[in-house]
Amino acid sequence: MDPAEAKGQLRADLRKRRRERDVLQSHGEAIAAHIGDLEPVREACEQGLVITCYSARPGEPPTEPLRATLRAAGATVLLPRVEGDDLVWCVEEDASEMAVNSLGIAEPTGDPIDLADAAPAVWIIPALAIDEDGYRLGQGGGFYDRALRDQPEGGGGPIIALIFEDEMVHEVPREDHDHRVDIVVTPERVRWLSMPD
C-alpha cells in the first residue's frame, strides 16, 4: 500500500473514533493550561507576538478556551480561513464574526493579513494523529503543509499539534511534502518531539 492509500485508511479509522468520542469542555481547558505553561508560548504572550491557532471542528480537541487564554495573556491570535487551495489568516478578537464553511469549520469573516508580515512566534495546528518522530496526519487537504512550507527554514517558531492521547501513534505514513511538528499536546500531557535551542 502506498503512503497516500495508507493515510486514507488511517484517516477513516481515526475519524470513526472521533465520531464516537465524547469531547468535553474540560479537554479544551486542560489543553489551554498545558499550552499556557510552555515557555515559547509564555514568551510570545508577554511580548504581544503572533500565535496561529484554529477553530476546532466537531470531534476535535476544543480550542476556544485556549484561544481566549492566549488573547487574555497578550498574544495576537490568528485564525485561518480556506480560500481556494490555501489558508488566509485573520486576527481573532472577542467580537470577531465567524461563519461555518463547507467543511464544517468555523472561520473568521474579517479581512486577512499578510502572514509574511505577521511572523508567527508559535504555530498551533490540528491533526488526526502524530507519530513518534513528529510526523502529522492531517485531514488530507494539505492546507497546513502548504502554509508551513512557506515559512522561513528554521523560522516561524515551534509547531504545536493538538490531538487526543490515543492518537499518538508509532508511525504515520509519510510523503515528501509532510511537515513535522515540535510539540504534541493532549488533554493529558505535553510531549516535546524536538528540544528547544
N, C-alpha and C. Protein backbone atom coordinates (compact mmCIF):
# COMPACT_ATOMS: atom_id res chain seq x y z
N MET A 1 0.85 -1.19 0.00
CA MET A 1 0.00 0.00 0.00
C MET A 1 0.89 1.25 0.00
N ASP A 2 0.62 2.18 -0.93
CA ASP A 2 1.45 3.39 -0.97
C ASP A 2 1.05 4.32 0.16
N PRO A 3 1.91 5.34 0.48
CA PRO A 3 1.63 6.21 1.62
C PRO A 3 0.28 6.92 1.55
N ALA A 4 -0.12 7.35 0.35
CA ALA A 4 -1.40 8.06 0.23
C ALA A 4 -2.57 7.13 0.59
N GLU A 5 -2.52 5.88 0.12
CA GLU A 5 -3.59 4.93 0.45
C GLU A 5 -3.58 4.60 1.93
N ALA A 6 -2.37 4.42 2.49
CA ALA A 6 -2.27 4.11 3.92
C ALA A 6 -2.81 5.26 4.76
N LYS A 7 -2.53 6.49 4.34
CA LYS A 7 -3.07 7.65 5.05
C LYS A 7 -4.59 7.64 5.02
N GLY A 8 -5.15 7.34 3.84
CA GLY A 8 -6.60 7.33 3.71
C GLY A 8 -7.25 6.33 4.64
N GLN A 9 -6.65 5.16 4.75
CA GLN A 9 -7.20 4.13 5.64
C GLN A 9 -7.10 4.56 7.10
N LEU A 10 -5.93 5.12 7.48
CA LEU A 10 -5.75 5.57 8.85
C LEU A 10 -6.70 6.71 9.18
N ARG A 11 -6.88 7.65 8.23
CA ARG A 11 -7.82 8.75 8.45
C ARG A 11 -9.23 8.23 8.72
N ALA A 12 -9.66 7.25 7.92
CA ALA A 12 -11.01 6.71 8.09
C ALA A 12 -11.18 6.12 9.49
N ASP A 13 -10.17 5.39 9.97
CA ASP A 13 -10.24 4.80 11.31
C ASP A 13 -10.31 5.88 12.39
N LEU A 14 -9.45 6.90 12.25
CA LEU A 14 -9.38 7.95 13.26
C LEU A 14 -10.65 8.80 13.27
N ARG A 15 -11.19 9.09 12.09
CA ARG A 15 -12.43 9.87 12.03
C ARG A 15 -13.58 9.11 12.68
N LYS A 16 -13.62 7.79 12.47
CA LYS A 16 -14.67 6.98 13.09
C LYS A 16 -14.56 7.06 14.61
N ARG A 17 -13.32 6.94 15.12
CA ARG A 17 -13.13 7.03 16.58
C ARG A 17 -13.56 8.39 17.10
N ARG A 18 -13.25 9.45 16.34
CA ARG A 18 -13.64 10.78 16.80
C ARG A 18 -15.15 10.95 16.81
N ARG A 19 -15.84 10.38 15.85
CA ARG A 19 -17.30 10.48 15.83
C ARG A 19 -17.91 9.81 17.05
N GLU A 20 -17.23 8.80 17.58
CA GLU A 20 -17.75 8.05 18.72
C GLU A 20 -17.27 8.60 20.06
N ARG A 21 -16.40 9.57 20.03
CA ARG A 21 -15.78 10.09 21.26
C ARG A 21 -16.66 11.18 21.88
N ASP A 22 -16.71 11.19 23.21
CA ASP A 22 -17.32 12.29 23.93
C ASP A 22 -16.27 13.37 24.13
N VAL A 23 -16.41 14.48 23.43
CA VAL A 23 -15.48 15.60 23.57
C VAL A 23 -16.04 16.54 24.63
N LEU A 24 -15.26 16.81 25.65
CA LEU A 24 -15.72 17.58 26.79
C LEU A 24 -15.06 18.96 26.82
N GLN A 25 -15.76 19.92 27.39
CA GLN A 25 -15.17 21.26 27.57
C GLN A 25 -13.88 21.15 28.40
N SER A 26 -13.84 20.19 29.32
CA SER A 26 -12.65 20.04 30.16
C SER A 26 -11.42 19.65 29.34
N HIS A 27 -11.62 18.99 28.21
CA HIS A 27 -10.48 18.68 27.33
C HIS A 27 -9.84 19.98 26.84
N GLY A 28 -10.66 20.92 26.42
CA GLY A 28 -10.13 22.19 25.95
C GLY A 28 -9.48 22.99 27.05
N GLU A 29 -10.05 22.94 28.24
CA GLU A 29 -9.46 23.66 29.37
C GLU A 29 -8.11 23.08 29.76
N ALA A 30 -7.99 21.75 29.72
CA ALA A 30 -6.71 21.11 30.05
C ALA A 30 -5.65 21.46 29.01
N ILE A 31 -6.02 21.45 27.74
CA ILE A 31 -5.07 21.82 26.68
C ILE A 31 -4.62 23.27 26.85
N ALA A 32 -5.56 24.16 27.16
CA ALA A 32 -5.20 25.56 27.38
C ALA A 32 -4.21 25.71 28.52
N ALA A 33 -4.40 24.96 29.60
CA ALA A 33 -3.47 25.03 30.74
C ALA A 33 -2.10 24.50 30.35
N HIS A 34 -2.05 23.38 29.63
CA HIS A 34 -0.76 22.82 29.21
C HIS A 34 0.01 23.80 28.32
N ILE A 35 -0.69 24.35 27.32
CA ILE A 35 -0.01 25.23 26.37
C ILE A 35 0.40 26.54 27.04
N GLY A 36 -0.43 27.03 27.94
CA GLY A 36 -0.08 28.25 28.65
C GLY A 36 1.17 28.13 29.49
N ASP A 37 1.53 26.89 29.87
CA ASP A 37 2.74 26.67 30.67
C ASP A 37 4.01 26.52 29.82
N LEU A 38 3.88 26.43 28.50
CA LEU A 38 5.05 26.25 27.65
C LEU A 38 5.82 27.57 27.52
N GLU A 39 7.14 27.51 27.72
CA GLU A 39 7.94 28.73 27.71
C GLU A 39 7.82 29.53 26.41
N PRO A 40 7.88 28.90 25.22
CA PRO A 40 7.75 29.71 24.00
C PRO A 40 6.41 30.42 23.91
N VAL A 41 5.37 29.81 24.43
CA VAL A 41 4.05 30.42 24.41
C VAL A 41 3.98 31.56 25.41
N ARG A 42 4.49 31.33 26.62
CA ARG A 42 4.50 32.41 27.63
C ARG A 42 5.25 33.63 27.11
N GLU A 43 6.42 33.38 26.50
CA GLU A 43 7.22 34.50 25.98
C GLU A 43 6.48 35.23 24.87
N ALA A 44 5.83 34.49 23.98
CA ALA A 44 5.09 35.13 22.89
C ALA A 44 3.96 35.99 23.44
N CYS A 45 3.27 35.49 24.45
CA CYS A 45 2.18 36.26 25.05
C CYS A 45 2.70 37.51 25.74
N GLU A 46 3.78 37.37 26.51
CA GLU A 46 4.34 38.51 27.23
C GLU A 46 4.80 39.62 26.29
N GLN A 47 5.26 39.22 25.09
CA GLN A 47 5.77 40.19 24.12
C GLN A 47 4.70 40.63 23.11
N GLY A 48 3.49 40.12 23.26
CA GLY A 48 2.42 40.50 22.35
C GLY A 48 2.62 40.00 20.94
N LEU A 49 3.27 38.85 20.79
CA LEU A 49 3.58 38.32 19.46
C LEU A 49 2.39 37.54 18.89
N VAL A 50 2.57 37.09 17.66
CA VAL A 50 1.52 36.39 16.94
C VAL A 50 1.60 34.88 17.19
N ILE A 51 0.45 34.28 17.49
CA ILE A 51 0.32 32.83 17.60
C ILE A 51 -0.82 32.41 16.67
N THR A 52 -0.55 31.48 15.78
CA THR A 52 -1.63 30.95 14.96
C THR A 52 -2.35 29.85 15.73
N CYS A 53 -3.66 29.79 15.55
CA CYS A 53 -4.45 28.72 16.14
C CYS A 53 -5.54 28.38 15.13
N TYR A 54 -6.61 27.75 15.56
CA TYR A 54 -7.68 27.37 14.64
C TYR A 54 -8.94 27.13 15.46
N SER A 55 -10.06 27.16 14.78
CA SER A 55 -11.34 26.84 15.40
C SER A 55 -11.60 25.35 15.21
N ALA A 56 -11.70 24.63 16.31
CA ALA A 56 -11.84 23.17 16.23
C ALA A 56 -13.19 22.81 15.62
N ARG A 57 -13.18 21.79 14.78
CA ARG A 57 -14.43 21.26 14.24
C ARG A 57 -14.97 20.23 15.23
N PRO A 58 -16.23 19.82 15.08
CA PRO A 58 -16.78 18.80 15.99
C PRO A 58 -15.91 17.54 15.99
N GLY A 59 -15.64 17.02 17.17
CA GLY A 59 -14.82 15.82 17.30
C GLY A 59 -13.36 16.09 17.56
N GLU A 60 -12.91 17.34 17.34
CA GLU A 60 -11.52 17.69 17.60
C GLU A 60 -11.36 18.21 19.04
N PRO A 61 -10.14 18.16 19.57
CA PRO A 61 -9.93 18.79 20.88
C PRO A 61 -10.34 20.26 20.81
N PRO A 62 -11.15 20.73 21.75
CA PRO A 62 -11.65 22.11 21.68
C PRO A 62 -10.52 23.13 21.80
N THR A 63 -10.65 24.23 21.06
CA THR A 63 -9.62 25.29 21.11
C THR A 63 -10.15 26.61 21.65
N GLU A 64 -11.45 26.72 21.88
CA GLU A 64 -11.97 28.01 22.33
C GLU A 64 -11.36 28.47 23.65
N PRO A 65 -11.24 27.59 24.68
CA PRO A 65 -10.59 28.04 25.92
C PRO A 65 -9.13 28.46 25.69
N LEU A 66 -8.44 27.75 24.82
CA LEU A 66 -7.05 28.07 24.52
C LEU A 66 -6.94 29.45 23.88
N ARG A 67 -7.76 29.70 22.87
CA ARG A 67 -7.69 30.97 22.16
C ARG A 67 -7.99 32.14 23.10
N ALA A 68 -8.99 31.96 23.96
CA ALA A 68 -9.33 33.02 24.93
C ALA A 68 -8.17 33.25 25.90
N THR A 69 -7.53 32.16 26.33
CA THR A 69 -6.40 32.27 27.25
C THR A 69 -5.24 33.01 26.60
N LEU A 70 -4.93 32.67 25.36
CA LEU A 70 -3.82 33.32 24.65
C LEU A 70 -4.08 34.81 24.46
N ARG A 71 -5.30 35.16 24.06
CA ARG A 71 -5.62 36.58 23.87
C ARG A 71 -5.53 37.34 25.20
N ALA A 72 -6.06 36.73 26.26
CA ALA A 72 -6.04 37.39 27.56
C ALA A 72 -4.61 37.59 28.07
N ALA A 73 -3.71 36.69 27.66
CA ALA A 73 -2.32 36.77 28.10
C ALA A 73 -1.49 37.73 27.24
N GLY A 74 -2.09 38.28 26.19
CA GLY A 74 -1.39 39.30 25.41
C GLY A 74 -1.01 38.94 24.00
N ALA A 75 -1.23 37.69 23.58
CA ALA A 75 -0.86 37.29 22.22
C ALA A 75 -1.86 37.83 21.21
N THR A 76 -1.38 38.03 19.99
CA THR A 76 -2.26 38.27 18.85
C THR A 76 -2.54 36.92 18.23
N VAL A 77 -3.80 36.48 18.25
CA VAL A 77 -4.17 35.16 17.76
C VAL A 77 -4.70 35.29 16.34
N LEU A 78 -4.12 34.49 15.43
CA LEU A 78 -4.58 34.43 14.05
C LEU A 78 -5.35 33.14 13.83
N LEU A 79 -6.47 33.23 13.14
CA LEU A 79 -7.26 32.05 12.75
C LEU A 79 -7.28 31.95 11.23
N PRO A 80 -7.28 30.72 10.71
CA PRO A 80 -7.28 30.56 9.25
C PRO A 80 -8.67 30.55 8.64
N ARG A 81 -8.70 30.89 7.36
CA ARG A 81 -9.90 30.75 6.54
C ARG A 81 -9.46 30.12 5.22
N VAL A 82 -10.22 29.14 4.76
CA VAL A 82 -9.89 28.48 3.50
C VAL A 82 -10.31 29.39 2.35
N GLU A 83 -9.35 29.66 1.46
CA GLU A 83 -9.63 30.38 0.22
C GLU A 83 -8.96 29.60 -0.90
N GLY A 84 -9.77 28.93 -1.70
CA GLY A 84 -9.22 28.10 -2.77
C GLY A 84 -8.45 26.93 -2.17
N ASP A 85 -7.18 26.81 -2.55
CA ASP A 85 -6.33 25.73 -2.06
C ASP A 85 -5.46 26.15 -0.88
N ASP A 86 -5.65 27.34 -0.38
CA ASP A 86 -4.76 27.86 0.66
C ASP A 86 -5.53 28.40 1.85
N LEU A 87 -4.79 28.71 2.89
CA LEU A 87 -5.34 29.36 4.07
C LEU A 87 -4.95 30.83 4.06
N VAL A 88 -5.89 31.69 4.41
CA VAL A 88 -5.57 33.08 4.72
C VAL A 88 -5.82 33.25 6.21
N TRP A 89 -5.24 34.28 6.80
CA TRP A 89 -5.23 34.40 8.26
C TRP A 89 -5.81 35.73 8.70
N CYS A 90 -6.66 35.67 9.73
CA CYS A 90 -7.32 36.86 10.26
C CYS A 90 -7.07 36.95 11.76
N VAL A 91 -6.96 38.16 12.26
CA VAL A 91 -6.80 38.38 13.70
C VAL A 91 -8.12 38.07 14.39
N GLU A 92 -8.06 37.25 15.45
CA GLU A 92 -9.26 36.96 16.24
C GLU A 92 -9.34 37.95 17.40
N GLU A 93 -10.52 38.53 17.54
CA GLU A 93 -10.81 39.40 18.67
C GLU A 93 -12.07 38.90 19.35
N ASP A 94 -12.38 39.45 20.52
CA ASP A 94 -13.56 38.98 21.25
C ASP A 94 -14.83 39.11 20.41
N ALA A 95 -14.88 40.13 19.55
CA ALA A 95 -16.09 40.39 18.77
C ALA A 95 -15.98 39.87 17.33
N SER A 96 -14.98 39.05 17.03
CA SER A 96 -14.81 38.55 15.67
C SER A 96 -16.03 37.75 15.22
N GLU A 97 -16.48 38.00 14.00
CA GLU A 97 -17.59 37.24 13.44
C GLU A 97 -17.05 36.00 12.75
N MET A 98 -17.78 34.89 12.91
CA MET A 98 -17.37 33.61 12.34
C MET A 98 -18.50 33.07 11.47
N ALA A 99 -18.11 32.30 10.45
CA ALA A 99 -19.08 31.63 9.58
C ALA A 99 -18.59 30.21 9.35
N VAL A 100 -19.50 29.25 9.29
CA VAL A 100 -19.13 27.85 9.09
C VAL A 100 -18.98 27.59 7.59
N ASN A 101 -17.83 27.03 7.19
CA ASN A 101 -17.59 26.76 5.77
C ASN A 101 -18.15 25.39 5.37
N SER A 102 -17.92 25.02 4.12
CA SER A 102 -18.47 23.76 3.59
C SER A 102 -17.84 22.53 4.23
N LEU A 103 -16.70 22.69 4.92
CA LEU A 103 -16.05 21.59 5.61
C LEU A 103 -16.54 21.45 7.05
N GLY A 104 -17.45 22.34 7.46
CA GLY A 104 -17.96 22.30 8.83
C GLY A 104 -17.08 23.00 9.83
N ILE A 105 -16.18 23.87 9.34
CA ILE A 105 -15.23 24.57 10.21
C ILE A 105 -15.65 26.03 10.34
N ALA A 106 -15.69 26.54 11.56
CA ALA A 106 -15.98 27.95 11.78
C ALA A 106 -14.74 28.77 11.42
N GLU A 107 -14.94 29.77 10.59
CA GLU A 107 -13.83 30.59 10.11
C GLU A 107 -14.13 32.07 10.36
N PRO A 108 -13.07 32.88 10.54
CA PRO A 108 -13.28 34.32 10.69
C PRO A 108 -13.70 34.93 9.34
N THR A 109 -14.55 35.94 9.42
CA THR A 109 -15.03 36.59 8.19
C THR A 109 -14.30 37.90 7.91
N GLY A 110 -13.39 38.31 8.80
CA GLY A 110 -12.72 39.60 8.65
C GLY A 110 -11.70 39.62 7.53
N ASP A 111 -11.04 40.77 7.41
CA ASP A 111 -10.03 40.96 6.38
C ASP A 111 -8.76 40.19 6.75
N PRO A 112 -8.19 39.43 5.80
CA PRO A 112 -6.96 38.71 6.09
C PRO A 112 -5.76 39.64 6.17
N ILE A 113 -4.73 39.17 6.87
CA ILE A 113 -3.48 39.91 6.95
C ILE A 113 -2.41 39.11 6.21
N ASP A 114 -1.30 39.76 5.92
CA ASP A 114 -0.18 39.10 5.24
C ASP A 114 0.62 38.32 6.28
N LEU A 115 0.62 37.00 6.15
CA LEU A 115 1.29 36.16 7.14
C LEU A 115 2.80 36.42 7.17
N ALA A 116 3.37 36.79 6.02
CA ALA A 116 4.81 37.09 5.98
C ALA A 116 5.13 38.27 6.89
N ASP A 117 4.24 39.24 6.97
CA ASP A 117 4.46 40.40 7.85
C ASP A 117 4.18 40.05 9.31
N ALA A 118 3.28 39.09 9.54
CA ALA A 118 2.88 38.74 10.91
C ALA A 118 3.97 37.97 11.65
N ALA A 119 4.74 37.15 10.93
CA ALA A 119 5.83 36.37 11.51
C ALA A 119 5.41 35.64 12.79
N PRO A 120 4.59 34.59 12.68
CA PRO A 120 4.12 33.89 13.88
C PRO A 120 5.26 33.39 14.75
N ALA A 121 5.11 33.59 16.06
CA ALA A 121 6.11 33.10 17.01
C ALA A 121 5.85 31.66 17.39
N VAL A 122 4.60 31.22 17.28
CA VAL A 122 4.19 29.86 17.61
C VAL A 122 3.06 29.47 16.66
N TRP A 123 3.10 28.22 16.20
CA TRP A 123 2.01 27.67 15.39
C TRP A 123 1.29 26.61 16.22
N ILE A 124 -0.03 26.70 16.29
CA ILE A 124 -0.86 25.66 16.92
C ILE A 124 -1.78 25.14 15.82
N ILE A 125 -1.63 23.84 15.51
CA ILE A 125 -2.32 23.30 14.33
C ILE A 125 -3.08 22.02 14.69
N PRO A 126 -4.08 21.69 13.89
CA PRO A 126 -4.84 20.45 14.13
C PRO A 126 -4.13 19.24 13.55
N ALA A 127 -4.52 18.08 14.01
CA ALA A 127 -4.01 16.81 13.46
C ALA A 127 -5.01 15.71 13.81
N LEU A 128 -4.95 14.65 13.03
CA LEU A 128 -5.69 13.43 13.38
C LEU A 128 -4.81 12.47 14.16
N ALA A 129 -3.51 12.51 13.88
CA ALA A 129 -2.54 11.66 14.58
C ALA A 129 -1.16 12.26 14.42
N ILE A 130 -0.28 11.93 15.37
CA ILE A 130 1.13 12.31 15.31
C ILE A 130 1.93 11.07 15.65
N ASP A 131 3.04 10.88 14.93
CA ASP A 131 3.86 9.71 15.26
C ASP A 131 5.05 10.09 16.12
N GLU A 132 5.83 9.09 16.50
CA GLU A 132 6.92 9.28 17.46
C GLU A 132 8.02 10.20 16.93
N ASP A 133 8.10 10.36 15.60
CA ASP A 133 9.09 11.25 15.01
C ASP A 133 8.52 12.64 14.73
N GLY A 134 7.28 12.87 15.12
CA GLY A 134 6.69 14.19 14.94
C GLY A 134 5.97 14.39 13.63
N TYR A 135 5.82 13.33 12.83
CA TYR A 135 5.09 13.49 11.58
C TYR A 135 3.59 13.47 11.85
N ARG A 136 2.90 14.32 11.12
CA ARG A 136 1.49 14.62 11.38
C ARG A 136 0.61 14.04 10.28
N LEU A 137 -0.51 13.48 10.69
CA LEU A 137 -1.56 13.10 9.75
C LEU A 137 -2.66 14.13 9.89
N GLY A 138 -2.90 14.87 8.80
CA GLY A 138 -3.97 15.86 8.80
C GLY A 138 -5.23 15.29 8.16
N GLN A 139 -6.13 16.18 7.80
CA GLN A 139 -7.40 15.75 7.21
C GLN A 139 -7.27 15.41 5.73
N GLY A 140 -6.15 15.75 5.11
CA GLY A 140 -5.94 15.35 3.72
C GLY A 140 -5.98 16.48 2.71
N GLY A 141 -6.30 17.69 3.15
CA GLY A 141 -6.35 18.81 2.21
C GLY A 141 -5.01 19.45 1.94
N GLY A 142 -4.02 19.19 2.79
CA GLY A 142 -2.68 19.75 2.61
C GLY A 142 -2.56 21.22 2.96
N PHE A 143 -3.60 21.81 3.57
CA PHE A 143 -3.58 23.26 3.83
C PHE A 143 -2.44 23.67 4.75
N TYR A 144 -2.24 22.91 5.84
CA TYR A 144 -1.20 23.29 6.79
C TYR A 144 0.19 22.96 6.26
N ASP A 145 0.34 21.88 5.52
CA ASP A 145 1.64 21.59 4.92
C ASP A 145 2.06 22.73 3.99
N ARG A 146 1.11 23.26 3.22
CA ARG A 146 1.44 24.37 2.31
C ARG A 146 1.74 25.64 3.10
N ALA A 147 0.96 25.91 4.15
CA ALA A 147 1.21 27.12 4.95
C ALA A 147 2.57 27.06 5.63
N LEU A 148 2.93 25.89 6.16
CA LEU A 148 4.22 25.75 6.85
C LEU A 148 5.38 25.74 5.87
N ARG A 149 5.16 25.21 4.68
CA ARG A 149 6.21 25.19 3.65
C ARG A 149 6.68 26.60 3.31
N ASP A 150 5.79 27.56 3.39
CA ASP A 150 6.11 28.93 3.00
C ASP A 150 6.81 29.71 4.12
N GLN A 151 7.01 29.10 5.28
CA GLN A 151 7.69 29.78 6.37
C GLN A 151 9.21 29.67 6.20
N PRO A 152 9.96 30.64 6.77
CA PRO A 152 11.42 30.57 6.65
C PRO A 152 11.96 29.28 7.24
N GLU A 153 13.00 28.72 6.63
CA GLU A 153 13.62 27.49 7.15
C GLU A 153 14.11 27.75 8.57
N GLY A 154 13.63 26.91 9.50
CA GLY A 154 14.04 27.08 10.88
C GLY A 154 13.34 28.23 11.58
N GLY A 155 12.46 28.94 10.85
CA GLY A 155 11.77 30.08 11.44
C GLY A 155 10.31 29.75 11.69
N GLY A 156 9.58 30.76 12.04
CA GLY A 156 8.15 30.56 12.27
C GLY A 156 7.82 30.01 13.64
N GLY A 157 8.82 29.78 14.47
CA GLY A 157 8.56 29.32 15.83
C GLY A 157 8.17 27.87 15.91
N PRO A 158 8.01 27.34 17.13
CA PRO A 158 7.65 25.93 17.30
C PRO A 158 6.25 25.64 16.76
N ILE A 159 6.08 24.41 16.29
CA ILE A 159 4.80 23.95 15.78
C ILE A 159 4.21 22.99 16.81
N ILE A 160 3.02 23.31 17.29
CA ILE A 160 2.34 22.52 18.31
C ILE A 160 1.10 21.89 17.68
N ALA A 161 0.96 20.58 17.79
CA ALA A 161 -0.22 19.89 17.27
C ALA A 161 -1.08 19.43 18.44
N LEU A 162 -2.39 19.53 18.27
CA LEU A 162 -3.34 19.11 19.30
C LEU A 162 -4.04 17.83 18.86
N ILE A 163 -3.99 16.82 19.71
CA ILE A 163 -4.67 15.55 19.44
C ILE A 163 -5.20 15.00 20.77
N PHE A 164 -5.91 13.89 20.68
CA PHE A 164 -6.26 13.14 21.88
C PHE A 164 -5.15 12.13 22.17
N GLU A 165 -5.09 11.68 23.40
CA GLU A 165 -3.97 10.84 23.86
C GLU A 165 -3.81 9.58 23.00
N ASP A 166 -4.90 8.93 22.61
CA ASP A 166 -4.78 7.69 21.84
C ASP A 166 -4.49 7.92 20.36
N GLU A 167 -4.30 9.18 19.95
CA GLU A 167 -3.96 9.49 18.57
C GLU A 167 -2.47 9.70 18.37
N MET A 168 -1.70 9.47 19.43
CA MET A 168 -0.24 9.41 19.32
C MET A 168 0.09 7.99 18.87
N VAL A 169 0.66 7.83 17.68
CA VAL A 169 0.85 6.51 17.09
C VAL A 169 2.33 6.25 16.84
N HIS A 170 2.65 4.99 16.58
CA HIS A 170 4.05 4.61 16.34
C HIS A 170 4.58 5.25 15.06
N GLU A 171 3.80 5.18 14.00
CA GLU A 171 4.28 5.73 12.73
C GLU A 171 3.10 6.16 11.86
N VAL A 172 3.24 7.34 11.26
CA VAL A 172 2.28 7.86 10.30
C VAL A 172 2.86 7.66 8.91
N PRO A 173 2.09 7.19 7.93
CA PRO A 173 2.61 7.12 6.56
C PRO A 173 3.09 8.50 6.10
N ARG A 174 4.23 8.54 5.43
CA ARG A 174 4.86 9.83 5.10
C ARG A 174 4.99 10.03 3.60
N GLU A 175 4.84 11.31 3.21
CA GLU A 175 5.11 11.73 1.84
C GLU A 175 6.08 12.91 1.91
N ASP A 176 6.66 13.26 0.76
CA ASP A 176 7.72 14.27 0.74
C ASP A 176 7.26 15.62 1.28
N HIS A 177 5.98 15.96 1.09
CA HIS A 177 5.51 17.29 1.48
C HIS A 177 5.14 17.36 2.96
N ASP A 178 5.16 16.25 3.68
CA ASP A 178 4.72 16.24 5.07
C ASP A 178 5.66 17.04 5.96
N HIS A 179 5.08 17.72 6.93
CA HIS A 179 5.83 18.61 7.81
C HIS A 179 5.79 18.06 9.23
N ARG A 180 6.94 18.06 9.90
CA ARG A 180 6.99 17.60 11.29
C ARG A 180 6.49 18.68 12.24
N VAL A 181 6.07 18.24 13.43
CA VAL A 181 5.73 19.16 14.50
C VAL A 181 6.76 19.03 15.61
N ASP A 182 6.83 20.04 16.46
CA ASP A 182 7.82 20.06 17.54
C ASP A 182 7.26 19.59 18.87
N ILE A 183 5.97 19.85 19.08
CA ILE A 183 5.35 19.59 20.37
C ILE A 183 3.96 19.01 20.12
N VAL A 184 3.59 18.00 20.89
CA VAL A 184 2.24 17.45 20.83
C VAL A 184 1.59 17.68 22.19
N VAL A 185 0.37 18.22 22.14
CA VAL A 185 -0.37 18.47 23.38
C VAL A 185 -1.69 17.71 23.31
N THR A 186 -1.97 16.95 24.36
CA THR A 186 -3.25 16.26 24.53
C THR A 186 -3.87 16.79 25.82
N PRO A 187 -5.12 16.45 26.09
CA PRO A 187 -5.68 16.87 27.38
C PRO A 187 -4.89 16.35 28.58
N GLU A 188 -4.14 15.25 28.38
CA GLU A 188 -3.42 14.64 29.50
C GLU A 188 -2.00 15.17 29.68
N ARG A 189 -1.33 15.56 28.59
CA ARG A 189 0.09 15.89 28.74
C ARG A 189 0.66 16.63 27.54
N VAL A 190 1.96 17.01 27.71
CA VAL A 190 2.76 17.64 26.65
C VAL A 190 3.91 16.73 26.31
N ARG A 191 4.16 16.55 25.02
CA ARG A 191 5.36 15.81 24.56
C ARG A 191 6.19 16.72 23.67
N TRP A 192 7.46 16.90 24.03
CA TRP A 192 8.40 17.63 23.17
C TRP A 192 9.03 16.61 22.24
N LEU A 193 8.86 16.80 20.93
CA LEU A 193 9.44 15.89 19.95
C LEU A 193 10.74 16.44 19.37
N SER A 194 10.95 17.72 19.53
CA SER A 194 12.26 18.32 19.23
C SER A 194 12.52 19.33 20.33
N MET A 195 13.70 19.28 20.89
CA MET A 195 14.01 20.11 22.04
C MET A 195 14.35 21.53 21.59
N PRO A 196 13.94 22.54 22.37
CA PRO A 196 14.26 23.92 22.01
C PRO A 196 15.76 24.18 22.10
N ASP A 197 16.22 25.17 21.32
CA ASP A 197 17.64 25.54 21.34
C ASP A 197 18.00 26.16 22.68
